[in-house]
């Protein structure tokens, strides 16, 4: 994975905890990993955790709600 650039998107759900392990393993394999989280995902796992593991600041995005016609 050395030399690979990967973006991991994290949304709210129990999988947010698994994403921590995924980011950790990718980094250990030599990939450069950046994380983008939804605001709701920050209630499950903190941006600080992902920042420490990835070595990069974490982008937090608010969800856009759309209504159906």
N, C-alpha and C. Protein backbone atom coordinates (compact mmCIF):
# COMPACT_ATOMS: atom_id res chain seq x y z
N UNK A 1 0.81 -1.19 0.00
CA UNK A 1 0.00 0.00 0.00
C UNK A 1 0.86 1.27 0.00
N UNK A 2 2.15 1.10 0.07
CA UNK A 2 3.02 2.26 0.12
C UNK A 2 2.83 3.12 -1.12
N UNK A 3 2.70 4.42 -0.90
CA UNK A 3 2.50 5.35 -1.99
C UNK A 3 1.05 5.56 -2.38
N UNK A 4 0.14 4.81 -1.80
CA UNK A 4 -1.28 4.96 -2.10
C UNK A 4 -1.87 6.08 -1.25
N UNK A 5 -2.80 6.84 -1.83
CA UNK A 5 -3.51 7.91 -1.14
C UNK A 5 -4.98 7.51 -1.05
N UNK A 6 -5.48 7.38 0.16
CA UNK A 6 -6.83 6.87 0.37
C UNK A 6 -7.64 7.85 1.21
N UNK A 7 -8.89 8.06 0.82
CA UNK A 7 -9.83 8.86 1.61
C UNK A 7 -10.88 7.90 2.16
N UNK A 8 -11.08 7.96 3.48
CA UNK A 8 -12.08 7.13 4.13
C UNK A 8 -13.22 8.02 4.60
N UNK A 9 -14.43 7.71 4.17
CA UNK A 9 -15.63 8.43 4.61
C UNK A 9 -16.29 7.67 5.74
N UNK A 10 -16.59 8.38 6.83
CA UNK A 10 -17.19 7.73 8.00
C UNK A 10 -18.53 8.40 8.29
N UNK A 11 -19.58 7.60 8.32
CA UNK A 11 -20.91 8.12 8.66
C UNK A 11 -21.36 7.49 9.97
N UNK A 12 -22.47 7.98 10.48
CA UNK A 12 -22.97 7.47 11.77
C UNK A 12 -23.36 6.01 11.62
N UNK A 13 -23.07 5.24 12.61
CA UNK A 13 -23.38 3.82 12.62
C UNK A 13 -22.27 3.06 13.32
N UNK A 14 -22.55 1.85 13.67
CA UNK A 14 -21.58 1.04 14.41
C UNK A 14 -20.32 0.80 13.59
N UNK A 15 -20.42 0.90 12.27
CA UNK A 15 -19.24 0.71 11.42
C UNK A 15 -18.19 1.79 11.64
N UNK A 16 -18.56 2.90 12.28
CA UNK A 16 -17.58 3.95 12.57
C UNK A 16 -16.45 3.40 13.43
N UNK A 17 -16.78 2.49 14.36
CA UNK A 17 -15.74 1.88 15.18
C UNK A 17 -14.82 1.00 14.34
N UNK A 18 -15.38 0.28 13.39
CA UNK A 18 -14.57 -0.56 12.51
C UNK A 18 -13.67 0.29 11.62
N UNK A 19 -14.12 1.47 11.27
CA UNK A 19 -13.33 2.36 10.41
C UNK A 19 -12.03 2.76 11.09
N UNK A 20 -12.04 2.85 12.41
CA UNK A 20 -10.81 3.16 13.15
C UNK A 20 -9.76 2.09 12.87
N UNK A 21 -10.16 0.85 12.93
CA UNK A 21 -9.25 -0.26 12.67
C UNK A 21 -8.79 -0.27 11.21
N UNK A 22 -9.70 0.03 10.30
CA UNK A 22 -9.35 0.06 8.87
C UNK A 22 -8.29 1.12 8.61
N UNK A 23 -8.49 2.32 9.16
CA UNK A 23 -7.52 3.40 8.97
C UNK A 23 -6.17 3.01 9.57
N UNK A 24 -6.19 2.42 10.74
CA UNK A 24 -4.95 1.99 11.39
C UNK A 24 -4.20 0.98 10.53
N UNK A 25 -4.89 0.01 10.01
CA UNK A 25 -4.24 -1.03 9.20
C UNK A 25 -3.70 -0.48 7.88
N UNK A 26 -4.46 0.43 7.28
CA UNK A 26 -3.99 1.04 6.04
C UNK A 26 -2.70 1.82 6.28
N UNK A 27 -2.65 2.57 7.38
CA UNK A 27 -1.44 3.34 7.71
C UNK A 27 -0.26 2.42 7.97
N UNK A 28 -0.50 1.34 8.70
CA UNK A 28 0.58 0.39 8.99
C UNK A 28 1.10 -0.26 7.71
N UNK A 29 0.22 -0.36 6.70
CA UNK A 29 0.62 -0.94 5.42
C UNK A 29 1.32 0.09 4.53
N UNK A 30 1.42 1.34 5.00
CA UNK A 30 2.17 2.35 4.27
C UNK A 30 1.34 3.34 3.46
N UNK A 31 0.01 3.25 3.54
CA UNK A 31 -0.83 4.16 2.77
C UNK A 31 -0.96 5.51 3.49
N UNK A 32 -1.16 6.57 2.71
CA UNK A 32 -1.50 7.87 3.27
C UNK A 32 -3.02 7.92 3.32
N UNK A 33 -3.57 8.11 4.50
CA UNK A 33 -5.02 8.04 4.68
C UNK A 33 -5.54 9.36 5.23
N UNK A 34 -6.60 9.87 4.60
CA UNK A 34 -7.30 11.04 5.10
C UNK A 34 -8.74 10.64 5.37
N UNK A 35 -9.33 11.27 6.39
CA UNK A 35 -10.67 10.87 6.83
C UNK A 35 -11.63 12.06 6.73
N UNK A 36 -12.82 11.76 6.23
CA UNK A 36 -13.94 12.71 6.21
C UNK A 36 -15.06 12.07 7.00
N UNK A 37 -15.61 12.82 7.97
CA UNK A 37 -16.69 12.30 8.82
C UNK A 37 -17.93 13.15 8.68
N UNK A 38 -19.09 12.52 8.85
CA UNK A 38 -20.32 13.29 8.97
C UNK A 38 -20.39 13.80 10.41
N UNK A 39 -21.15 14.84 10.61
CA UNK A 39 -21.30 15.39 11.96
C UNK A 39 -21.86 14.34 12.92
N UNK A 40 -22.81 13.55 12.45
CA UNK A 40 -23.40 12.52 13.31
C UNK A 40 -22.39 11.42 13.66
N UNK A 41 -21.44 11.17 12.80
CA UNK A 41 -20.41 10.16 13.09
C UNK A 41 -19.54 10.58 14.27
N UNK A 42 -19.42 11.90 14.49
CA UNK A 42 -18.57 12.37 15.59
C UNK A 42 -19.17 12.06 16.96
N UNK A 43 -20.45 11.65 16.99
CA UNK A 43 -21.06 11.23 18.25
C UNK A 43 -20.67 9.80 18.60
N UNK A 44 -20.14 9.07 17.63
CA UNK A 44 -19.76 7.67 17.82
C UNK A 44 -18.26 7.53 17.98
N UNK A 45 -17.51 8.20 17.15
CA UNK A 45 -16.04 8.19 17.21
C UNK A 45 -15.57 9.63 17.02
N UNK A 46 -14.55 10.02 17.73
CA UNK A 46 -14.13 11.43 17.67
C UNK A 46 -13.17 11.69 16.51
N UNK A 47 -13.23 12.90 15.96
CA UNK A 47 -12.27 13.28 14.93
C UNK A 47 -10.83 13.21 15.45
N UNK A 48 -10.65 13.46 16.74
CA UNK A 48 -9.30 13.39 17.32
C UNK A 48 -8.72 11.98 17.17
N UNK A 49 -9.55 10.97 17.39
CA UNK A 49 -9.09 9.59 17.25
C UNK A 49 -8.61 9.32 15.83
N UNK A 50 -9.44 9.70 14.85
CA UNK A 50 -9.05 9.47 13.46
C UNK A 50 -7.86 10.33 13.07
N UNK A 51 -7.76 11.52 13.61
CA UNK A 51 -6.62 12.39 13.32
C UNK A 51 -5.32 11.80 13.82
N UNK A 52 -5.35 11.27 15.03
CA UNK A 52 -4.15 10.65 15.60
C UNK A 52 -3.73 9.42 14.79
N UNK A 53 -4.69 8.62 14.39
CA UNK A 53 -4.38 7.39 13.67
C UNK A 53 -3.92 7.68 12.24
N UNK A 54 -4.60 8.64 11.58
CA UNK A 54 -4.29 8.91 10.18
C UNK A 54 -3.09 9.83 10.01
N UNK A 55 -2.81 10.65 11.02
CA UNK A 55 -1.71 11.60 10.91
C UNK A 55 -2.09 12.87 10.16
N UNK A 56 -3.40 13.05 9.91
CA UNK A 56 -3.90 14.22 9.18
C UNK A 56 -5.11 14.79 9.91
N UNK A 57 -5.36 16.10 9.72
CA UNK A 57 -6.60 16.67 10.27
C UNK A 57 -7.80 15.98 9.62
N UNK A 58 -8.88 15.90 10.36
CA UNK A 58 -10.09 15.24 9.87
C UNK A 58 -11.11 16.29 9.44
N UNK A 59 -11.70 16.09 8.28
CA UNK A 59 -12.76 16.98 7.80
C UNK A 59 -14.09 16.47 8.33
N UNK A 60 -14.89 17.37 8.91
CA UNK A 60 -16.21 17.01 9.40
C UNK A 60 -17.23 17.76 8.56
N UNK A 61 -18.13 17.03 7.97
CA UNK A 61 -19.16 17.61 7.10
C UNK A 61 -20.54 17.38 7.72
N UNK A 62 -21.38 18.39 7.62
CA UNK A 62 -22.76 18.22 8.07
C UNK A 62 -23.56 17.60 6.93
N UNK A 63 -24.53 16.77 7.28
CA UNK A 63 -25.34 16.13 6.27
C UNK A 63 -26.33 17.13 5.70
N UNK A 64 -26.62 16.98 4.46
CA UNK A 64 -27.65 17.78 3.83
C UNK A 64 -28.90 16.94 3.75
N UNK A 65 -29.98 17.45 4.30
CA UNK A 65 -31.24 16.72 4.26
C UNK A 65 -32.06 17.22 3.07
N UNK A 66 -32.53 16.28 2.31
CA UNK A 66 -33.37 16.64 1.17
C UNK A 66 -34.73 16.00 1.36
N UNK A 67 -35.73 16.64 0.89
CA UNK A 67 -37.08 16.08 0.98
C UNK A 67 -37.45 15.46 -0.35
N UNK A 68 -38.26 14.44 -0.27
CA UNK A 68 -38.71 13.79 -1.49
C UNK A 68 -39.92 14.53 -2.02
N UNK A 69 -40.04 14.57 -3.34
CA UNK A 69 -41.19 15.22 -3.96
C UNK A 69 -42.36 14.28 -4.04
